[in-house]
């Protein structure tokens, strides 16, 4: 079955829309870019990664507020 150019274009656009959050995702670094985890989460958009450096953080009120993001330790949870 051959697909004409219009269908290929539609499929291409659909794929771009499906992966657009991943393509344009940013990594937000704590504490080098943002002083607190909360500040990085507040600035983040869907698909972003909040990467937390080693250390002890006192942020107690963390809320994703419906955002789809990843918050993780740079070198594993035992160091953070």
PDB file of N, CA and C in Angstrom:
ATOM      1  N   UNK A   1       0.845  -1.180   0.000  1.00  0.00           N
ATOM      2  CA  UNK A   1       0.000   0.000   0.000  1.00  0.00           C
ATOM      3  C   UNK A   1       0.888   1.240   0.000  1.00  0.00           C
ATOM      4  N   UNK A   2       0.652   2.115  -0.915  1.00  0.00           N
ATOM      5  CA  UNK A   2       1.414   3.352  -1.016  1.00  0.00           C
ATOM      6  C   UNK A   2       0.659   4.487  -0.359  1.00  0.00           C
ATOM      7  N   UNK A   3       1.366   5.261   0.436  1.00  0.00           N
ATOM      8  CA  UNK A   3       0.762   6.436   1.051  1.00  0.00           C
ATOM      9  C   UNK A   3       1.099   7.641   0.192  1.00  0.00           C
ATOM     10  N   UNK A   4       0.107   8.479  -0.041  1.00  0.00           N
ATOM     11  CA  UNK A   4       0.418   9.676  -0.813  1.00  0.00           C
ATOM     12  C   UNK A   4       1.106  10.709   0.074  1.00  0.00           C
ATOM     13  N   UNK A   5       1.601  11.774  -0.519  1.00  0.00           N
ATOM     14  CA  UNK A   5       2.391  12.773   0.197  1.00  0.00           C
ATOM     15  C   UNK A   5       1.596  13.459   1.301  1.00  0.00           C
ATOM     16  N   UNK A   6       0.310  13.646   1.114  1.00  0.00           N
ATOM     17  CA  UNK A   6      -0.506  14.308   2.137  1.00  0.00           C
ATOM     18  C   UNK A   6      -0.559  13.466   3.410  1.00  0.00           C
ATOM     19  N   UNK A   7      -0.757  12.160   3.275  1.00  0.00           N
ATOM     20  CA  UNK A   7      -0.809  11.297   4.443  1.00  0.00           C
ATOM     21  C   UNK A   7       0.539  11.228   5.140  1.00  0.00           C
ATOM     22  N   UNK A   8       1.603  11.189   4.388  1.00  0.00           N
ATOM     23  CA  UNK A   8       2.937  11.197   4.988  1.00  0.00           C
ATOM     24  C   UNK A   8       3.172  12.482   5.774  1.00  0.00           C
ATOM     25  N   UNK A   9       2.710  13.591   5.227  1.00  0.00           N
ATOM     26  CA  UNK A   9       2.835  14.876   5.918  1.00  0.00           C
ATOM     27  C   UNK A   9       2.033  14.874   7.222  1.00  0.00           C
ATOM     28  N   UNK A  10       0.820  14.359   7.189  1.00  0.00           N
ATOM     29  CA  UNK A  10      -0.032  14.285   8.384  1.00  0.00           C
ATOM     30  C   UNK A  10       0.628  13.405   9.451  1.00  0.00           C
ATOM     31  N   UNK A  11       1.165  12.279   9.043  1.00  0.00           N
ATOM     32  CA  UNK A  11       1.837  11.381   9.984  1.00  0.00           C
ATOM     33  C   UNK A  11       3.076  12.064  10.576  1.00  0.00           C
ATOM     34  N   UNK A  12       3.819  12.754   9.764  1.00  0.00           N
ATOM     35  CA  UNK A  12       5.006  13.471  10.216  1.00  0.00           C
ATOM     36  C   UNK A  12       4.648  14.527  11.261  1.00  0.00           C
ATOM     37  N   UNK A  13       3.636  15.312  10.999  1.00  0.00           N
ATOM     38  CA  UNK A  13       3.191  16.355  11.931  1.00  0.00           C
ATOM     39  C   UNK A  13       2.701  15.722  13.239  1.00  0.00           C
ATOM     40  N   UNK A  14       1.974  14.627  13.141  1.00  0.00           N
ATOM     41  CA  UNK A  14       1.482  13.940  14.343  1.00  0.00           C
ATOM     42  C   UNK A  14       2.642  13.460  15.203  1.00  0.00           C
ATOM     43  N   UNK A  15       3.667  12.925  14.594  1.00  0.00           N
ATOM     44  CA  UNK A  15       4.837  12.466  15.346  1.00  0.00           C
ATOM     45  C   UNK A  15       5.554  13.627  16.028  1.00  0.00           C
ATOM     46  N   UNK A  16       5.677  14.730  15.346  1.00  0.00           N
ATOM     47  CA  UNK A  16       6.310  15.912  15.943  1.00  0.00           C
ATOM     48  C   UNK A  16       5.511  16.378  17.153  1.00  0.00           C
ATOM     49  N   UNK A  17       4.204  16.416  17.033  1.00  0.00           N
ATOM     50  CA  UNK A  17       3.379  16.845  18.157  1.00  0.00           C
ATOM     51  C   UNK A  17       3.466  15.881  19.330  1.00  0.00           C
ATOM     52  N   UNK A  18       3.562  14.610  19.064  1.00  0.00           N
ATOM     53  CA  UNK A  18       3.664  13.606  20.133  1.00  0.00           C
ATOM     54  C   UNK A  18       4.963  13.739  20.912  1.00  0.00           C
ATOM     55  N   UNK A  19       6.033  14.089  20.232  1.00  0.00           N
ATOM     56  CA  UNK A  19       7.336  14.140  20.882  1.00  0.00           C
ATOM     57  C   UNK A  19       7.819  15.560  21.149  1.00  0.00           C
ATOM     58  N   UNK A  20       6.982  16.563  20.975  1.00  0.00           N
ATOM     59  CA  UNK A  20       7.428  17.943  21.123  1.00  0.00           C
ATOM     60  C   UNK A  20       7.877  18.268  22.537  1.00  0.00           C
ATOM     61  N   UNK A  21       7.233  17.706  23.571  1.00  0.00           N
ATOM     62  CA  UNK A  21       7.674  17.967  24.942  1.00  0.00           C
ATOM     63  C   UNK A  21       9.079  17.450  25.168  1.00  0.00           C
ATOM     64  N   UNK A  22       9.393  16.303  24.624  1.00  0.00           N
ATOM     65  CA  UNK A  22      10.721  15.735  24.778  1.00  0.00           C
ATOM     66  C   UNK A  22      11.748  16.517  23.983  1.00  0.00           C
ATOM     67  N   UNK A  23      11.405  16.930  22.797  1.00  0.00           N
ATOM     68  CA  UNK A  23      12.334  17.658  21.938  1.00  0.00           C
ATOM     69  C   UNK A  23      12.725  18.990  22.558  1.00  0.00           C
ATOM     70  N   UNK A  24      11.771  19.678  23.151  1.00  0.00           N
ATOM     71  CA  UNK A  24      12.018  21.012  23.681  1.00  0.00           C
ATOM     72  C   UNK A  24      12.208  21.026  25.195  1.00  0.00           C
ATOM     73  N   UNK A  25      12.394  19.879  25.809  1.00  0.00           N
ATOM     74  CA  UNK A  25      12.566  19.803  27.260  1.00  0.00           C
ATOM     75  C   UNK A  25      13.882  20.454  27.669  1.00  0.00           C
ATOM     76  N   UNK A  26      13.851  21.083  28.834  1.00  0.00           N
ATOM     77  CA  UNK A  26      15.043  21.720  29.386  1.00  0.00           C
ATOM     78  C   UNK A  26      15.444  20.991  30.663  1.00  0.00           C
ATOM     79  N   UNK A  27      16.716  21.056  30.973  1.00  0.00           N
ATOM     80  CA  UNK A  27      17.194  20.551  32.256  1.00  0.00           C
ATOM     81  C   UNK A  27      17.475  21.763  33.126  1.00  0.00           C
ATOM     82  N   UNK A  28      16.890  21.758  34.315  1.00  0.00           N
ATOM     83  CA  UNK A  28      17.041  22.869  35.258  1.00  0.00           C
ATOM     84  C   UNK A  28      17.871  22.371  36.436  1.00  0.00           C
ATOM     85  N   UNK A  29      18.978  23.047  36.683  1.00  0.00           N
ATOM     86  CA  UNK A  29      19.963  22.582  37.658  1.00  0.00           C
ATOM     87  C   UNK A  29      19.818  23.317  38.992  1.00  0.00           C
ATOM     88  N   UNK A  30      19.769  22.516  40.070  1.00  0.00           N
ATOM     89  CA  UNK A  30      19.712  23.055  41.432  1.00  0.00           C
ATOM     90  C   UNK A  30      21.022  22.672  42.105  1.00  0.00           C
ATOM     91  N   UNK A  31      21.768  23.545  42.728  1.00  0.00           N
ATOM     92  CA  UNK A  31      21.521  24.964  42.949  1.00  0.00           C
ATOM     93  C   UNK A  31      22.245  25.902  41.987  1.00  0.00           C
ATOM     94  N   UNK A  32      22.876  25.402  40.935  1.00  0.00           N
ATOM     95  CA  UNK A  32      23.656  26.299  40.065  1.00  0.00           C
ATOM     96  C   UNK A  32      22.787  27.277  39.270  1.00  0.00           C
ATOM     97  N   UNK A  33      21.600  26.853  38.821  1.00  0.00           N
ATOM     98  CA  UNK A  33      20.703  27.766  38.115  1.00  0.00           C
ATOM     99  C   UNK A  33      19.586  28.283  39.019  1.00  0.00           C
ATOM    100  N   UNK A  34      19.097  27.435  39.901  1.00  0.00           N
ATOM    101  CA  UNK A  34      17.994  27.784  40.797  1.00  0.00           C
ATOM    102  C   UNK A  34      18.423  27.486  42.223  1.00  0.00           C
ATOM    103  N   UNK A  35      18.182  28.402  43.123  1.00  0.00           N
ATOM    104  CA  UNK A  35      18.637  28.255  44.508  1.00  0.00           C
ATOM    105  C   UNK A  35      17.932  27.120  45.239  1.00  0.00           C
ATOM    106  N   UNK A  36      16.694  26.848  44.861  1.00  0.00           N
ATOM    107  CA  UNK A  36      15.927  25.813  45.550  1.00  0.00           C
ATOM    108  C   UNK A  36      15.257  24.881  44.544  1.00  0.00           C
ATOM    109  N   UNK A  37      14.886  23.713  45.029  1.00  0.00           N
ATOM    110  CA  UNK A  37      14.154  22.760  44.189  1.00  0.00           C
ATOM    111  C   UNK A  37      12.812  23.365  43.799  1.00  0.00           C
ATOM    112  N   UNK A  38      12.161  24.025  44.740  1.00  0.00           N
ATOM    113  CA  UNK A  38      10.862  24.652  44.474  1.00  0.00           C
ATOM    114  C   UNK A  38      10.968  25.685  43.353  1.00  0.00           C
ATOM    115  N   UNK A  39      12.016  26.502  43.370  1.00  0.00           N
ATOM    116  CA  UNK A  39      12.197  27.519  42.322  1.00  0.00           C
ATOM    117  C   UNK A  39      12.353  26.869  40.948  1.00  0.00           C
ATOM    118  N   UNK A  40      13.079  25.767  40.897  1.00  0.00           N
ATOM    119  CA  UNK A  40      13.270  25.067  39.620  1.00  0.00           C
ATOM    120  C   UNK A  40      11.962  24.445  39.140  1.00  0.00           C
ATOM    121  N   UNK A  41      11.206  23.850  40.053  1.00  0.00           N
ATOM    122  CA  UNK A  41       9.911  23.264  39.688  1.00  0.00           C
ATOM    123  C   UNK A  41       8.951  24.350  39.208  1.00  0.00           C
ATOM    124  N   UNK A  42       8.934  25.471  39.899  1.00  0.00           N
ATOM    125  CA  UNK A  42       8.050  26.574  39.508  1.00  0.00           C
ATOM    126  C   UNK A  42       8.375  27.096  38.114  1.00  0.00           C
ATOM    127  N   UNK A  43       9.655  27.095  37.749  1.00  0.00           N
ATOM    128  CA  UNK A  43      10.081  27.602  36.438  1.00  0.00           C
ATOM    129  C   UNK A  43       9.944  26.561  35.327  1.00  0.00           C
ATOM    130  N   UNK A  44       9.769  25.306  35.693  1.00  0.00           N
ATOM    131  CA  UNK A  44       9.773  24.211  34.713  1.00  0.00           C
ATOM    132  C   UNK A  44       8.461  24.118  33.942  1.00  0.00           C
ATOM    133  N   UNK A  45       8.561  23.496  32.776  1.00  0.00           N
ATOM    134  CA  UNK A  45       7.421  23.200  31.922  1.00  0.00           C
ATOM    135  C   UNK A  45       7.313  21.689  31.752  1.00  0.00           C
ATOM    136  N   UNK A  46       6.189  21.237  31.213  1.00  0.00           N
ATOM    137  CA  UNK A  46       6.008  19.807  30.958  1.00  0.00           C
ATOM    138  C   UNK A  46       7.196  19.246  30.184  1.00  0.00           C
ATOM    139  N   UNK A  47       7.678  18.102  30.637  1.00  0.00           N
ATOM    140  CA  UNK A  47       8.782  17.429  29.966  1.00  0.00           C
ATOM    141  C   UNK A  47      10.154  17.808  30.484  1.00  0.00           C
ATOM    142  N   UNK A  48      10.256  18.863  31.293  1.00  0.00           N
ATOM    143  CA  UNK A  48      11.548  19.300  31.808  1.00  0.00           C
ATOM    144  C   UNK A  48      12.083  18.333  32.863  1.00  0.00           C
ATOM    145  N   UNK A  49      13.383  18.448  33.121  1.00  0.00           N
ATOM    146  CA  UNK A  49      14.054  17.677  34.163  1.00  0.00           C
ATOM    147  C   UNK A  49      14.640  18.659  35.165  1.00  0.00           C
ATOM    148  N   UNK A  50      14.364  18.423  36.439  1.00  0.00           N
ATOM    149  CA  UNK A  50      14.989  19.194  37.514  1.00  0.00           C
ATOM    150  C   UNK A  50      16.068  18.290  38.094  1.00  0.00           C
ATOM    151  N   UNK A  51      17.319  18.674  37.911  1.00  0.00           N
ATOM    152  CA  UNK A  51      18.455  17.861  38.319  1.00  0.00           C
ATOM    153  C   UNK A  51      19.093  18.499  39.554  1.00  0.00           C
ATOM    154  N   UNK A  52      19.059  17.771  40.664  1.00  0.00           N
ATOM    155  CA  UNK A  52      19.484  18.302  41.955  1.00  0.00           C
ATOM    156  C   UNK A  52      20.884  17.791  42.293  1.00  0.00           C
ATOM    157  N   UNK A  53      21.798  18.718  42.567  1.00  0.00           N
ATOM    158  CA  UNK A  53      23.176  18.370  42.916  1.00  0.00           C
ATOM    159  C   UNK A  53      23.226  17.766  44.316  1.00  0.00           C
ATOM    160  N   UNK A  54      24.341  17.117  44.621  1.00  0.00           N
ATOM    161  CA  UNK A  54      24.537  16.522  45.942  1.00  0.00           C
ATOM    162  C   UNK A  54      24.370  17.578  47.028  1.00  0.00           C
ATOM    163  N   UNK A  55      23.826  17.174  48.158  1.00  0.00           N
ATOM    164  CA  UNK A  55      23.675  18.080  49.281  1.00  0.00           C
ATOM    165  C   UNK A  55      22.388  17.830  50.027  1.00  0.00           C
ATOM    166  N   UNK A  56      22.153  18.647  51.036  1.00  0.00           N
ATOM    167  CA  UNK A  56      20.936  18.575  51.831  1.00  0.00           C
ATOM    168  C   UNK A  56      20.094  19.800  51.519  1.00  0.00           C
ATOM    169  N   UNK A  57      18.840  19.584  51.202  1.00  0.00           N
ATOM    170  CA  UNK A  57      17.931  20.664  50.845  1.00  0.00           C
ATOM    171  C   UNK A  57      16.797  20.705  51.852  1.00  0.00           C
ATOM    172  N   UNK A  58      16.344  21.904  52.149  1.00  0.00           N
ATOM    173  CA  UNK A  58      15.305  22.069  53.164  1.00  0.00           C
ATOM    174  C   UNK A  58      13.950  22.433  52.561  1.00  0.00           C
ATOM    175  N   UNK A  59      13.803  22.314  51.259  1.00  0.00           N
ATOM    176  CA  UNK A  59      12.501  22.565  50.623  1.00  0.00           C
ATOM    177  C   UNK A  59      11.501  21.556  51.192  1.00  0.00           C
ATOM    178  N   UNK A  60      10.457  22.015  51.804  1.00  0.00           N
ATOM    179  CA  UNK A  60       9.482  21.088  52.385  1.00  0.00           C
ATOM    180  C   UNK A  60       8.145  21.125  51.672  1.00  0.00           C
ATOM    181  N   UNK A  61       7.855  22.186  50.969  1.00  0.00           N
ATOM    182  CA  UNK A  61       6.567  22.332  50.293  1.00  0.00           C
ATOM    183  C   UNK A  61       6.767  22.253  48.781  1.00  0.00           C
ATOM    184  N   UNK A  62       6.947  21.052  48.267  1.00  0.00           N
ATOM    185  CA  UNK A  62       7.142  20.875  46.829  1.00  0.00           C
ATOM    186  C   UNK A  62       5.829  20.471  46.185  1.00  0.00           C
ATOM    187  N   UNK A  63       5.475  21.162  45.112  1.00  0.00           N
ATOM    188  CA  UNK A  63       4.245  20.849  44.399  1.00  0.00           C
ATOM    189  C   UNK A  63       4.503  20.926  42.902  1.00  0.00           C
ATOM    190  N   UNK A  64       4.093  19.880  42.200  1.00  0.00           N
ATOM    191  CA  UNK A  64       4.257  19.850  40.745  1.00  0.00           C
ATOM    192  C   UNK A  64       3.131  20.614  40.066  1.00  0.00           C
ATOM    193  N   UNK A  65       2.077  20.876  40.739  1.00  0.00           N
ATOM    194  CA  UNK A  65       0.886  21.583  40.225  1.00  0.00           C
ATOM    195  C   UNK A  65       0.476  21.093  38.833  1.00  0.00           C
ATOM    196  N   UNK A  66       0.398  19.786  38.681  1.00  0.00           N
ATOM    197  CA  UNK A  66      -0.073  19.199  37.429  1.00  0.00           C
ATOM    198  C   UNK A  66       0.959  19.137  36.316  1.00  0.00           C
ATOM    199  N   UNK A  67       2.174  19.557  36.586  1.00  0.00           N
ATOM    200  CA  UNK A  67       3.223  19.512  35.560  1.00  0.00           C
ATOM    201  C   UNK A  67       3.742  18.086  35.435  1.00  0.00           C
ATOM    202  N   UNK A  68       4.119  17.710  34.237  1.00  0.00           N
ATOM    203  CA  UNK A  68       4.712  16.400  33.979  1.00  0.00           C
ATOM    204  C   UNK A  68       6.208  16.595  33.822  1.00  0.00           C
ATOM    205  N   UNK A  69       6.936  16.425  34.925  1.00  0.00           N
ATOM    206  CA  UNK A  69       8.372  16.600  34.886  1.00  0.00           C
ATOM    207  C   UNK A  69       9.074  15.551  35.711  1.00  0.00           C
ATOM    208  N   UNK A  70      10.380  15.545  35.586  1.00  0.00           N
ATOM    209  CA  UNK A  70      11.202  14.600  36.328  1.00  0.00           C
ATOM    210  C   UNK A  70      12.071  15.390  37.296  1.00  0.00           C
ATOM    211  N   UNK A  71      12.055  14.996  38.552  1.00  0.00           N
ATOM    212  CA  UNK A  71      12.943  15.576  39.558  1.00  0.00           C
ATOM    213  C   UNK A  71      13.835  14.442  40.038  1.00  0.00           C
ATOM    214  N   UNK A  72      15.147  14.621  39.880  1.00  0.00           N
ATOM    215  CA  UNK A  72      16.043  13.541  40.279  1.00  0.00           C
ATOM    216  C   UNK A  72      17.369  14.089  40.772  1.00  0.00           C
ATOM    217  N   UNK A  73      18.052  13.250  41.538  1.00  0.00           N
ATOM    218  CA  UNK A  73      19.358  13.577  42.075  1.00  0.00           C
ATOM    219  C   UNK A  73      20.424  13.354  41.003  1.00  0.00           C
ATOM    220  N   UNK A  74      21.397  14.231  40.987  1.00  0.00           N
ATOM    221  CA  UNK A  74      22.468  14.128  39.999  1.00  0.00           C
ATOM    222  C   UNK A  74      23.304  12.859  40.178  1.00  0.00           C
ATOM    223  N   UNK A  75      23.542  12.463  41.422  1.00  0.00           N
ATOM    224  CA  UNK A  75      24.407  11.313  41.693  1.00  0.00           C
ATOM    225  C   UNK A  75      23.746  10.248  42.573  1.00  0.00           C
ATOM    226  N   UNK A  76      22.446  10.161  42.512  1.00  0.00           N
ATOM    227  CA  UNK A  76      21.730   9.162  43.283  1.00  0.00           C
ATOM    228  C   UNK A  76      21.177   9.714  44.588  1.00  0.00           C
ATOM    229  N   UNK A  77      20.094   9.116  45.070  1.00  0.00           N
ATOM    230  CA  UNK A  77      19.411   9.639  46.253  1.00  0.00           C
ATOM    231  C   UNK A  77      20.254   9.561  47.539  1.00  0.00           C
ATOM    232  N   UNK A  78      21.204   8.654  47.599  1.00  0.00           N
ATOM    233  CA  UNK A  78      22.018   8.548  48.808  1.00  0.00           C
ATOM    234  C   UNK A  78      22.932   9.764  48.988  1.00  0.00           C
ATOM    235  N   UNK A  79      23.124  10.555  47.950  1.00  0.00           N
ATOM    236  CA  UNK A  79      23.976  11.752  48.024  1.00  0.00           C
ATOM    237  C   UNK A  79      23.187  13.039  48.098  1.00  0.00           C
ATOM    238  N   UNK A  80      21.907  12.915  48.155  1.00  0.00           N
ATOM    239  CA  UNK A  80      21.083  14.112  48.092  1.00  0.00           C
ATOM    240  C   UNK A  80      19.970  14.025  49.129  1.00  0.00           C
TER     241      UNK A  80
END
